[in-house]
Structures are given as structure tokens and as C-alpha cells.
Amino acid sequence: MKNEFGKELDKNGYAPSILKRHEGCHICGRRDLALQRHEVFHGNNREKSKEYGLWIEVCWNCHNVIHNGNGELDRCLKKESEQIALIQYRWSLDDFRSRFGKSYL
């Protein structure tokens, strides 16, 4: 299966991430811990994050901070991801809002 931009989705529905890739955790850079996928736009937008490649790989510790921290890291990831998606997919802010409900910029 492919997304609307022709990117192949893996068996779990993930398009390749369009966000900067690190060899280790996207947040702390550690390479000695197992990594988990984090959909930047989670909740109701989780499937869209997967489909558009708006996910990162993070260690368990950083994943916990994203979801249970003060929210600043989560907001920064959303803002960065939106900026990259606007460029990558040539979306306007209205295009982004129509898919994700609001802009984080």
C-alpha cells in the first residue's frame, strides 16, 4: 500500500520518516538503548503521522519525557515536523490544518 504521495507503507502502515534521521535516539542520540517509534502527531492523528512519515525513533526514556514531561518537547517536535511537512509535501498552512486540525506554528 502507498500513501497519496506514492511512498510505500510498511506492514504496520508507516511511510519512511521524512524527519531528520539519527543513528540513535532522535532526542538524546544514545545508541545503546532499544528505540521505539514515536508518532509526532499522536492521538486522533496517529495514523496520519504514520502515513505521512511524521515519526521519529526514540529511546524509552525520551519517549516517556515526550508523553509525560511538561509538554515543551512535544510542542517543539510538532512545530519542527509541521515545518518539514510543509516543505516536503508543498502544503500550505490550510493544507496542513485540513489534515491535522490545526497548525502548531
PDB file of N, CA and C in Angstrom:
ATOM      1  N   MET A   1       0.833  -1.175   0.000  1.00  0.00           N
ATOM      2  CA  MET A   1       0.000   0.000   0.000  1.00  0.00           C
ATOM      3  C   MET A   1       0.889   1.254   0.000  1.00  0.00           C
ATOM      4  N   LYS A   2       0.391   2.329  -0.609  1.00  0.00           N
ATOM      5  CA  LYS A   2       1.143   3.581  -0.704  1.00  0.00           C
ATOM      6  C   LYS A   2       0.295   4.734  -0.184  1.00  0.00           C
ATOM      7  N   ASN A   3       0.989   5.800   0.251  1.00  0.00           N
ATOM      8  CA  ASN A   3       0.247   6.991   0.651  1.00  0.00           C
ATOM      9  C   ASN A   3      -0.052   7.838  -0.585  1.00  0.00           C
ATOM     10  N   GLU A   4      -0.693   8.976  -0.401  1.00  0.00           N
ATOM     11  CA  GLU A   4      -1.101   9.799  -1.545  1.00  0.00           C
ATOM     12  C   GLU A   4       0.073  10.365  -2.333  1.00  0.00           C
ATOM     13  N   PHE A   5       1.289  10.310  -1.770  1.00  0.00           N
ATOM     14  CA  PHE A   5       2.474  10.806  -2.459  1.00  0.00           C
ATOM     15  C   PHE A   5       3.300   9.680  -3.062  1.00  0.00           C
ATOM     16  N   GLY A   6       2.747   8.474  -3.055  1.00  0.00           N
ATOM     17  CA  GLY A   6       3.405   7.336  -3.662  1.00  0.00           C
ATOM     18  C   GLY A   6       4.460   6.677  -2.800  1.00  0.00           C
ATOM     19  N   LYS A   7       4.552   7.075  -1.527  1.00  0.00           N
ATOM     20  CA  LYS A   7       5.529   6.448  -0.635  1.00  0.00           C
ATOM     21  C   LYS A   7       4.970   5.127  -0.128  1.00  0.00           C
ATOM     22  N   GLU A   8       5.786   4.111  -0.223  1.00  0.00           N
ATOM     23  CA  GLU A   8       5.401   2.767   0.199  1.00  0.00           C
ATOM     24  C   GLU A   8       5.241   2.715   1.716  1.00  0.00           C
ATOM     25  N   LEU A   9       4.149   2.121   2.185  1.00  0.00           N
ATOM     26  CA  LEU A   9       3.920   1.940   3.614  1.00  0.00           C
ATOM     27  C   LEU A   9       4.365   0.543   4.011  1.00  0.00           C
ATOM     28  N   ASP A  10       4.990   0.430   5.190  1.00  0.00           N
ATOM     29  CA  ASP A  10       5.396  -0.901   5.636  1.00  0.00           C
ATOM     30  C   ASP A  10       4.178  -1.672   6.155  1.00  0.00           C
ATOM     31  N   LYS A  11       4.393  -2.878   6.632  1.00  0.00           N
ATOM     32  CA  LYS A  11       3.276  -3.733   7.049  1.00  0.00           C
ATOM     33  C   LYS A  11       2.477  -3.150   8.208  1.00  0.00           C
ATOM     34  N   ASN A  12       3.066  -2.186   8.939  1.00  0.00           N
ATOM     35  CA  ASN A  12       2.367  -1.540  10.044  1.00  0.00           C
ATOM     36  C   ASN A  12       1.768  -0.186   9.651  1.00  0.00           C
ATOM     37  N   GLY A  13       1.835   0.150   8.368  1.00  0.00           N
ATOM     38  CA  GLY A  13       1.239   1.390   7.884  1.00  0.00           C
ATOM     39  C   GLY A  13       2.128   2.612   7.969  1.00  0.00           C
ATOM     40  N   TYR A  14       3.433   2.422   8.168  1.00  0.00           N
ATOM     41  CA  TYR A  14       4.361   3.537   8.283  1.00  0.00           C
ATOM     42  C   TYR A  14       5.027   3.846   6.943  1.00  0.00           C
ATOM     43  N   ALA A  15       4.947   5.105   6.537  1.00  0.00           N
ATOM     44  CA  ALA A  15       5.759   5.586   5.421  1.00  0.00           C
ATOM     45  C   ALA A  15       7.152   5.862   5.977  1.00  0.00           C
ATOM     46  N   PRO A  16       8.177   5.900   5.136  1.00  0.00           N
ATOM     47  CA  PRO A  16       9.504   6.272   5.645  1.00  0.00           C
ATOM     48  C   PRO A  16       9.434   7.647   6.306  1.00  0.00           C
ATOM     49  N   SER A  17      10.132   7.802   7.412  1.00  0.00           N
ATOM     50  CA  SER A  17      10.113   9.086   8.119  1.00  0.00           C
ATOM     51  C   SER A  17      10.738  10.174   7.255  1.00  0.00           C
ATOM     52  N   ILE A  18      10.107  11.344   7.230  1.00  0.00           N
ATOM     53  CA  ILE A  18      10.674  12.486   6.500  1.00  0.00           C
ATOM     54  C   ILE A  18      11.457  13.392   7.439  1.00  0.00           C
ATOM     55  N   LEU A  19      11.522  13.015   8.712  1.00  0.00           N
ATOM     56  CA  LEU A  19      12.215  13.819   9.701  1.00  0.00           C
ATOM     57  C   LEU A  19      13.675  13.397   9.774  1.00  0.00           C
ATOM     58  N   LYS A  20      14.518  14.304  10.216  1.00  0.00           N
ATOM     59  CA  LYS A  20      15.952  14.046  10.273  1.00  0.00           C
ATOM     60  C   LYS A  20      16.220  12.743  11.011  1.00  0.00           C
ATOM     61  N   ARG A  21      16.993  11.883  10.392  1.00  0.00           N
ATOM     62  CA  ARG A  21      17.294  10.581  10.975  1.00  0.00           C
ATOM     63  C   ARG A  21      18.632  10.600  11.698  1.00  0.00           C
ATOM     64  N   HIS A  22      18.652   9.985  12.834  1.00  0.00           N
ATOM     65  CA  HIS A  22      19.873   9.797  13.618  1.00  0.00           C
ATOM     66  C   HIS A  22      20.131   8.307  13.714  1.00  0.00           C
ATOM     67  N   GLU A  23      21.371   7.952  13.983  1.00  0.00           N
ATOM     68  CA  GLU A  23      21.653   6.532  14.188  1.00  0.00           C
ATOM     69  C   GLU A  23      21.105   6.056  15.516  1.00  0.00           C
ATOM     70  N   GLY A  24      20.940   6.958  16.458  1.00  0.00           N
ATOM     71  CA  GLY A  24      20.401   6.612  17.763  1.00  0.00           C
ATOM     72  C   GLY A  24      19.104   7.347  18.006  1.00  0.00           C
ATOM     73  N   CYS A  25      18.841   7.589  19.261  1.00  0.00           N
ATOM     74  CA  CYS A  25      17.629   8.288  19.665  1.00  0.00           C
ATOM     75  C   CYS A  25      17.589   9.688  19.045  1.00  0.00           C
ATOM     76  N   HIS A  26      16.455  10.059  18.485  1.00  0.00           N
ATOM     77  CA  HIS A  26      16.277  11.364  17.836  1.00  0.00           C
ATOM     78  C   HIS A  26      16.488  12.511  18.821  1.00  0.00           C
ATOM     79  N   ILE A  27      16.193  12.287  20.100  1.00  0.00           N
ATOM     80  CA  ILE A  27      16.287  13.337  21.114  1.00  0.00           C
ATOM     81  C   ILE A  27      17.667  13.383  21.765  1.00  0.00           C
ATOM     82  N   CYS A  28      18.092  12.274  22.361  1.00  0.00           N
ATOM     83  CA  CYS A  28      19.346  12.280  23.131  1.00  0.00           C
ATOM     84  C   CYS A  28      20.540  11.724  22.368  1.00  0.00           C
ATOM     85  N   GLY A  29      20.283  11.029  21.259  1.00  0.00           N
ATOM     86  CA  GLY A  29      21.368  10.491  20.448  1.00  0.00           C
ATOM     87  C   GLY A  29      21.947   9.173  20.933  1.00  0.00           C
ATOM     88  N   ARG A  30      21.486   8.669  22.070  1.00  0.00           N
ATOM     89  CA  ARG A  30      22.033   7.407  22.579  1.00  0.00           C
ATOM     90  C   ARG A  30      21.787   6.277  21.596  1.00  0.00           C
ATOM     91  N   ARG A  31      22.807   5.421  21.481  1.00  0.00           N
ATOM     92  CA  ARG A  31      22.699   4.288  20.565  1.00  0.00           C
ATOM     93  C   ARG A  31      22.707   2.954  21.295  1.00  0.00           C
ATOM     94  N   ASP A  32      22.845   3.003  22.616  1.00  0.00           N
ATOM     95  CA  ASP A  32      22.959   1.764  23.379  1.00  0.00           C
ATOM     96  C   ASP A  32      21.618   1.287  23.931  1.00  0.00           C
ATOM     97  N   LEU A  33      20.535   1.979  23.602  1.00  0.00           N
ATOM     98  CA  LEU A  33      19.210   1.586  24.076  1.00  0.00           C
ATOM     99  C   LEU A  33      18.327   1.212  22.892  1.00  0.00           C
ATOM    100  N   ALA A  34      17.374   0.334  23.139  1.00  0.00           N
ATOM    101  CA  ALA A  34      16.414  -0.022  22.089  1.00  0.00           C
ATOM    102  C   ALA A  34      15.587   1.215  21.740  1.00  0.00           C
ATOM    103  N   LEU A  35      15.251   1.346  20.465  1.00  0.00           N
ATOM    104  CA  LEU A  35      14.492   2.503  20.008  1.00  0.00           C
ATOM    105  C   LEU A  35      13.042   2.119  19.730  1.00  0.00           C
ATOM    106  N   GLN A  36      12.173   3.096  19.929  1.00  0.00           N
ATOM    107  CA  GLN A  36      10.745   2.934  19.662  1.00  0.00           C
ATOM    108  C   GLN A  36      10.324   4.026  18.687  1.00  0.00           C
ATOM    109  N   ARG A  37       9.324   3.736  17.891  1.00  0.00           N
ATOM    110  CA  ARG A  37       8.768   4.765  17.017  1.00  0.00           C
ATOM    111  C   ARG A  37       7.849   5.670  17.833  1.00  0.00           C
ATOM    112  N   HIS A  38       7.970   6.958  17.576  1.00  0.00           N
ATOM    113  CA  HIS A  38       7.065   7.935  18.194  1.00  0.00           C
ATOM    114  C   HIS A  38       6.387   8.714  17.086  1.00  0.00           C
ATOM    115  N   GLU A  39       5.071   8.600  17.013  1.00  0.00           N
ATOM    116  CA  GLU A  39       4.303   9.374  16.049  1.00  0.00           C
ATOM    117  C   GLU A  39       4.180  10.780  16.603  1.00  0.00           C
ATOM    118  N   VAL A  40       4.728  11.766  15.877  1.00  0.00           N
ATOM    119  CA  VAL A  40       4.770  13.133  16.392  1.00  0.00           C
ATOM    120  C   VAL A  40       3.365  13.658  16.659  1.00  0.00           C
ATOM    121  N   PHE A  41       2.460  13.397  15.759  1.00  0.00           N
ATOM    122  CA  PHE A  41       1.074  13.803  15.960  1.00  0.00           C
ATOM    123  C   PHE A  41       0.320  12.554  16.382  1.00  0.00           C
ATOM    124  N   HIS A  42       0.163  12.389  17.677  1.00  0.00           N
ATOM    125  CA  HIS A  42      -0.437  11.162  18.203  1.00  0.00           C
ATOM    126  C   HIS A  42      -1.919  11.376  18.452  1.00  0.00           C
ATOM    127  N   GLY A  43      -2.533  10.534  19.239  1.00  0.00           N
ATOM    128  CA  GLY A  43      -3.976  10.637  19.476  1.00  0.00           C
ATOM    129  C   GLY A  43      -4.747  10.386  18.189  1.00  0.00           C
ATOM    130  N   ASN A  44      -5.693  11.265  17.891  1.00  0.00           N
ATOM    131  CA  ASN A  44      -6.524  11.119  16.686  1.00  0.00           C
ATOM    132  C   ASN A  44      -5.724  11.230  15.397  1.00  0.00           C
ATOM    133  N   ASN A  45      -4.527  11.797  15.465  1.00  0.00           N
ATOM    134  CA  ASN A  45      -3.706  11.994  14.266  1.00  0.00           C
ATOM    135  C   ASN A  45      -2.587  10.963  14.121  1.00  0.00           C
ATOM    136  N   ARG A  46      -2.601   9.933  14.949  1.00  0.00           N
ATOM    137  CA  ARG A  46      -1.540   8.918  14.914  1.00  0.00           C
ATOM    138  C   ARG A  46      -1.409   8.272  13.537  1.00  0.00           C
ATOM    139  N   GLU A  47      -2.527   7.851  12.955  1.00  0.00           N
ATOM    140  CA  GLU A  47      -2.483   7.184  11.648  1.00  0.00           C
ATOM    141  C   GLU A  47      -1.959   8.125  10.562  1.00  0.00           C
ATOM    142  N   LYS A  48      -2.285   9.405  10.662  1.00  0.00           N
ATOM    143  CA  LYS A  48      -1.779  10.379   9.683  1.00  0.00           C
ATOM    144  C   LYS A  48      -0.278  10.554   9.839  1.00  0.00           C
ATOM    145  N   SER A  49       0.214  10.562  11.077  1.00  0.00           N
ATOM    146  CA  SER A  49       1.656  10.642  11.306  1.00  0.00           C
ATOM    147  C   SER A  49       2.369   9.472  10.644  1.00  0.00           C
ATOM    148  N   LYS A  50       1.785   8.291  10.776  1.00  0.00           N
ATOM    149  CA  LYS A  50       2.374   7.107  10.167  1.00  0.00           C
ATOM    150  C   LYS A  50       2.349   7.218   8.647  1.00  0.00           C
ATOM    151  N   GLU A  51       1.214   7.604   8.100  1.00  0.00           N
ATOM    152  CA  GLU A  51       1.037   7.674   6.650  1.00  0.00           C
ATOM    153  C   GLU A  51       1.950   8.712   5.991  1.00  0.00           C
ATOM    154  N   TYR A  52       2.166   9.839   6.650  1.00  0.00           N
ATOM    155  CA  TYR A  52       2.973  10.917   6.074  1.00  0.00           C
ATOM    156  C   TYR A  52       4.432  10.892   6.515  1.00  0.00           C
ATOM    157  N   GLY A  53       4.835   9.882   7.289  1.00  0.00           N
ATOM    158  CA  GLY A  53       6.231   9.783   7.712  1.00  0.00           C
ATOM    159  C   GLY A  53       6.616  10.792   8.773  1.00  0.00           C
ATOM    160  N   LEU A  54       5.668  11.185   9.589  1.00  0.00           N
ATOM    161  CA  LEU A  54       5.919  12.156  10.648  1.00  0.00           C
ATOM    162  C   LEU A  54       6.113  11.425  11.976  1.00  0.00           C
ATOM    163  N   TRP A  55       7.181  10.648  12.015  1.00  0.00           N
ATOM    164  CA  TRP A  55       7.535   9.877  13.197  1.00  0.00           C
ATOM    165  C   TRP A  55       9.048   9.868  13.352  1.00  0.00           C
ATOM    166  N   ILE A  56       9.481   9.618  14.585  1.00  0.00           N
ATOM    167  CA  ILE A  56      10.905   9.559  14.903  1.00  0.00           C
ATOM    168  C   ILE A  56      11.169   8.302  15.717  1.00  0.00           C
ATOM    169  N   GLU A  57      12.430   7.952  15.821  1.00  0.00           N
ATOM    170  CA  GLU A  57      12.834   6.846  16.686  1.00  0.00           C
ATOM    171  C   GLU A  57      13.470   7.436  17.934  1.00  0.00           C
ATOM    172  N   VAL A  58      12.976   6.992  19.092  1.00  0.00           N
ATOM    173  CA  VAL A  58      13.465   7.497  20.368  1.00  0.00           C
ATOM    174  C   VAL A  58      13.666   6.345  21.348  1.00  0.00           C
ATOM    175  N   CYS A  59      14.538   6.566  22.328  1.00  0.00           N
ATOM    176  CA  CYS A  59      14.714   5.577  23.388  1.00  0.00           C
ATOM    177  C   CYS A  59      13.521   5.672  24.344  1.00  0.00           C
ATOM    178  N   TRP A  60      13.362   4.660  25.177  1.00  0.00           N
ATOM    179  CA  TRP A  60      12.237   4.622  26.101  1.00  0.00           C
ATOM    180  C   TRP A  60      12.222   5.836  27.006  1.00  0.00           C
ATOM    181  N   ASN A  61      13.405   6.252  27.486  1.00  0.00           N
ATOM    182  CA  ASN A  61      13.469   7.390  28.405  1.00  0.00           C
ATOM    183  C   ASN A  61      12.940   8.664  27.745  1.00  0.00           C
ATOM    184  N   CYS A  62      13.393   8.943  26.540  1.00  0.00           N
ATOM    185  CA  CYS A  62      12.944  10.148  25.842  1.00  0.00           C
ATOM    186  C   CYS A  62      11.470  10.042  25.451  1.00  0.00           C
ATOM    187  N   HIS A  63      11.032   8.846  25.087  1.00  0.00           N
ATOM    188  CA  HIS A  63       9.618   8.642  24.750  1.00  0.00           C
ATOM    189  C   HIS A  63       8.750   8.992  25.955  1.00  0.00           C
ATOM    190  N   ASN A  64       9.196   8.579  27.120  1.00  0.00           N
ATOM    191  CA  ASN A  64       8.473   8.886  28.353  1.00  0.00           C
ATOM    192  C   ASN A  64       8.439  10.391  28.605  1.00  0.00           C
ATOM    193  N   VAL A  65       9.546  11.071  28.378  1.00  0.00           N
ATOM    194  CA  VAL A  65       9.596  12.524  28.574  1.00  0.00           C
ATOM    195  C   VAL A  65       8.644  13.228  27.605  1.00  0.00           C
ATOM    196  N   ILE A  66       8.604  12.781  26.347  1.00  0.00           N
ATOM    197  CA  ILE A  66       7.707  13.393  25.366  1.00  0.00           C
ATOM    198  C   ILE A  66       6.259  13.309  25.839  1.00  0.00           C
ATOM    199  N   HIS A  67       5.855  12.143  26.313  1.00  0.00           N
ATOM    200  CA  HIS A  67       4.457  11.937  26.688  1.00  0.00           C
ATOM    201  C   HIS A  67       4.112  12.397  28.097  1.00  0.00           C
ATOM    202  N   ASN A  68       5.088  12.404  28.986  1.00  0.00           N
ATOM    203  CA  ASN A  68       4.787  12.708  30.389  1.00  0.00           C
ATOM    204  C   ASN A  68       5.549  13.901  30.932  1.00  0.00           C
ATOM    205  N   GLY A  69       6.289  14.590  30.076  1.00  0.00           N
ATOM    206  CA  GLY A  69       7.047  15.761  30.515  1.00  0.00           C
ATOM    207  C   GLY A  69       6.154  16.982  30.600  1.00  0.00           C
ATOM    208  N   ASN A  70       6.766  18.151  30.490  1.00  0.00           N
ATOM    209  CA  ASN A  70       5.994  19.384  30.633  1.00  0.00           C
ATOM    210  C   ASN A  70       5.319  19.826  29.344  1.00  0.00           C
ATOM    211  N   GLY A  71       5.481  19.079  28.276  1.00  0.00           N
ATOM    212  CA  GLY A  71       4.828  19.397  27.009  1.00  0.00           C
ATOM    213  C   GLY A  71       5.662  20.221  26.060  1.00  0.00           C
ATOM    214  N   GLU A  72       6.715  20.844  26.537  1.00  0.00           N
ATOM    215  CA  GLU A  72       7.532  21.698  25.678  1.00  0.00           C
ATOM    216  C   GLU A  72       8.220  20.885  24.575  1.00  0.00           C
ATOM    217  N   LEU A  73       8.765  19.741  24.904  1.00  0.00           N
ATOM    218  CA  LEU A  73       9.420  18.901  23.906  1.00  0.00           C
ATOM    219  C   LEU A  73       8.412  18.434  22.860  1.00  0.00           C
ATOM    220  N   ASP A  74       7.236  18.038  23.289  1.00  0.00           N
ATOM    221  CA  ASP A  74       6.185  17.614  22.369  1.00  0.00           C
ATOM    222  C   ASP A  74       5.815  18.753  21.419  1.00  0.00           C
ATOM    223  N   ARG A  75       5.653  19.963  21.940  1.00  0.00           N
ATOM    224  CA  ARG A  75       5.318  21.117  21.092  1.00  0.00           C
ATOM    225  C   ARG A  75       6.437  21.421  20.096  1.00  0.00           C
ATOM    226  N   CYS A  76       7.679  21.330  20.535  1.00  0.00           N
ATOM    227  CA  CYS A  76       8.815  21.581  19.631  1.00  0.00           C
ATOM    228  C   CYS A  76       8.859  20.563  18.498  1.00  0.00           C
ATOM    229  N   LEU A  77       8.612  19.293  18.817  1.00  0.00           N
ATOM    230  CA  LEU A  77       8.598  18.246  17.791  1.00  0.00           C
ATOM    231  C   LEU A  77       7.472  18.472  16.796  1.00  0.00           C
ATOM    232  N   LYS A  78       6.312  18.884  17.272  1.00  0.00           N
ATOM    233  CA  LYS A  78       5.179  19.154  16.383  1.00  0.00           C
ATOM    234  C   LYS A  78       5.484  20.330  15.458  1.00  0.00           C
ATOM    235  N   LYS A  79       6.062  21.379  16.011  1.00  0.00           N
ATOM    236  CA  LYS A  79       6.393  22.562  15.211  1.00  0.00           C
ATOM    237  C   LYS A  79       7.428  22.215  14.135  1.00  0.00           C
ATOM    238  N   GLU A  80       8.495  21.544  14.540  1.00  0.00           N
ATOM    239  CA  GLU A  80       9.541  21.132  13.595  1.00  0.00           C
ATOM    240  C   GLU A  80       8.971  20.224  12.510  1.00  0.00           C
ATOM    241  N   SER A  81       8.140  19.280  12.903  1.00  0.00           N
ATOM    242  CA  SER A  81       7.567  18.334  11.952  1.00  0.00           C
ATOM    243  C   SER A  81       6.628  19.018  10.972  1.00  0.00           C
ATOM    244  N   GLU A  82       5.843  19.956  11.460  1.00  0.00           N
ATOM    245  CA  GLU A  82       4.949  20.694  10.569  1.00  0.00           C
ATOM    246  C   GLU A  82       5.756  21.478   9.535  1.00  0.00           C
ATOM    247  N   GLN A  83       6.821  22.142   9.974  1.00  0.00           N
ATOM    248  CA  GLN A  83       7.657  22.907   9.049  1.00  0.00           C
ATOM    249  C   GLN A  83       8.233  22.008   7.957  1.00  0.00           C
ATOM    250  N   ILE A  84       8.710  20.839   8.338  1.00  0.00           N
ATOM    251  CA  ILE A  84       9.286  19.905   7.373  1.00  0.00           C
ATOM    252  C   ILE A  84       8.205  19.383   6.427  1.00  0.00           C
ATOM    253  N   ALA A  85       7.027  19.069   6.959  1.00  0.00           N
ATOM    254  CA  ALA A  85       5.926  18.569   6.121  1.00  0.00           C
ATOM    255  C   ALA A  85       5.483  19.630   5.111  1.00  0.00           C
ATOM    256  N   LEU A  86       5.435  20.890   5.520  1.00  0.00           N
ATOM    257  CA  LEU A  86       5.040  21.959   4.602  1.00  0.00           C
ATOM    258  C   LEU A  86       5.991  22.023   3.409  1.00  0.00           C
ATOM    259  N   ILE A  87       7.270  21.860   3.675  1.00  0.00           N
ATOM    260  CA  ILE A  87       8.273  21.899   2.607  1.00  0.00           C
ATOM    261  C   ILE A  87       8.235  20.611   1.781  1.00  0.00           C
ATOM    262  N   GLN A  88       8.293  19.481   2.463  1.00  0.00           N
ATOM    263  CA  GLN A  88       8.363  18.177   1.787  1.00  0.00           C
ATOM    264  C   GLN A  88       7.163  17.939   0.873  1.00  0.00           C
ATOM    265  N   TYR A  89       5.979  18.252   1.380  1.00  0.00           N
ATOM    266  CA  TYR A  89       4.759  17.956   0.635  1.00  0.00           C
ATOM    267  C   TYR A  89       4.190  19.167  -0.100  1.00  0.00           C
ATOM    268  N   ARG A  90       4.881  20.297   0.016  1.00  0.00           N
ATOM    269  CA  ARG A  90       4.440  21.551  -0.629  1.00  0.00           C
ATOM    270  C   ARG A  90       3.020  21.922  -0.208  1.00  0.00           C
ATOM    271  N   TRP A  91       2.768  21.760   1.090  1.00  0.00           N
ATOM    272  CA  TRP A  91       1.472  22.105   1.648  1.00  0.00           C
ATOM    273  C   TRP A  91       1.444  23.562   2.067  1.00  0.00           C
ATOM    274  N   SER A  92       0.274  24.159   2.013  1.00  0.00           N
ATOM    275  CA  SER A  92       0.040  25.458   2.644  1.00  0.00           C
ATOM    276  C   SER A  92      -0.356  25.182   4.095  1.00  0.00           C
ATOM    277  N   LEU A  93      -0.434  26.234   4.902  1.00  0.00           N
ATOM    278  CA  LEU A  93      -0.910  26.049   6.276  1.00  0.00           C
ATOM    279  C   LEU A  93      -2.332  25.492   6.282  1.00  0.00           C
ATOM    280  N   ASP A  94      -3.142  25.936   5.333  1.00  0.00           N
ATOM    281  CA  ASP A  94      -4.507  25.405   5.252  1.00  0.00           C
ATOM    282  C   ASP A  94      -4.515  23.918   4.906  1.00  0.00           C
ATOM    283  N   ASP A  95      -3.595  23.493   4.033  1.00  0.00           N
ATOM    284  CA  ASP A  95      -3.480  22.065   3.714  1.00  0.00           C
ATOM    285  C   ASP A  95      -3.151  21.271   4.975  1.00  0.00           C
ATOM    286  N   PHE A  96      -2.190  21.787   5.751  1.00  0.00           N
ATOM    287  CA  PHE A  96      -1.804  21.092   6.985  1.00  0.00           C
ATOM    288  C   PHE A  96      -2.981  21.051   7.956  1.00  0.00           C
ATOM    289  N   ARG A  97      -3.631  22.196   8.147  1.00  0.00           N
ATOM    290  CA  ARG A  97      -4.772  22.263   9.071  1.00  0.00           C
ATOM    291  C   ARG A  97      -5.895  21.318   8.661  1.00  0.00           C
ATOM    292  N   SER A  98      -6.106  21.181   7.365  1.00  0.00           N
ATOM    293  CA  SER A  98      -7.187  20.299   6.918  1.00  0.00           C
ATOM    294  C   SER A  98      -6.880  18.837   7.246  1.00  0.00           C
ATOM    295  N   ARG A  99      -5.612  18.498   7.335  1.00  0.00           N
ATOM    296  CA  ARG A  99      -5.240  17.109   7.665  1.00  0.00           C
ATOM    297  C   ARG A  99      -5.118  16.874   9.165  1.00  0.00           C
ATOM    298  N   PHE A 100      -4.560  17.863   9.890  1.00  0.00           N
ATOM    299  CA  PHE A 100      -4.240  17.666  11.311  1.00  0.00           C
ATOM    300  C   PHE A 100      -5.079  18.516  12.265  1.00  0.00           C
ATOM    301  N   GLY A 101      -6.001  19.283  11.744  1.00  0.00           N
ATOM    302  CA  GLY A 101      -6.930  20.017  12.598  1.00  0.00           C
ATOM    303  C   GLY A 101      -6.485  21.386  13.038  1.00  0.00           C
ATOM    304  N   LYS A 102      -5.188  21.630  13.096  1.00  0.00           N
ATOM    305  CA  LYS A 102      -4.666  22.944  13.475  1.00  0.00           C
ATOM    306  C   LYS A 102      -3.205  23.042  13.098  1.00  0.00           C
ATOM    307  N   SER A 103      -2.689  24.257  13.157  1.00  0.00           N
ATOM    308  CA  SER A 103      -1.273  24.493  12.919  1.00  0.00           C
ATOM    309  C   SER A 103      -0.574  24.652  14.254  1.00  0.00           C
ATOM    310  N   TYR A 104       0.653  24.191  14.333  1.00  0.00           N
ATOM    311  CA  TYR A 104       1.446  24.324  15.564  1.00  0.00           C
ATOM    312  C   TYR A 104       2.497  25.416  15.424  1.00  0.00           C
ATOM    313  N   LEU A 105       2.490  26.126  14.316  1.00  0.00           N
ATOM    314  CA  LEU A 105       3.476  27.195  14.077  1.00  0.00           C
ATOM    315  C   LEU A 105       3.045  28.489  14.733  1.00  0.00           C
TER     316      LEU A 105
END
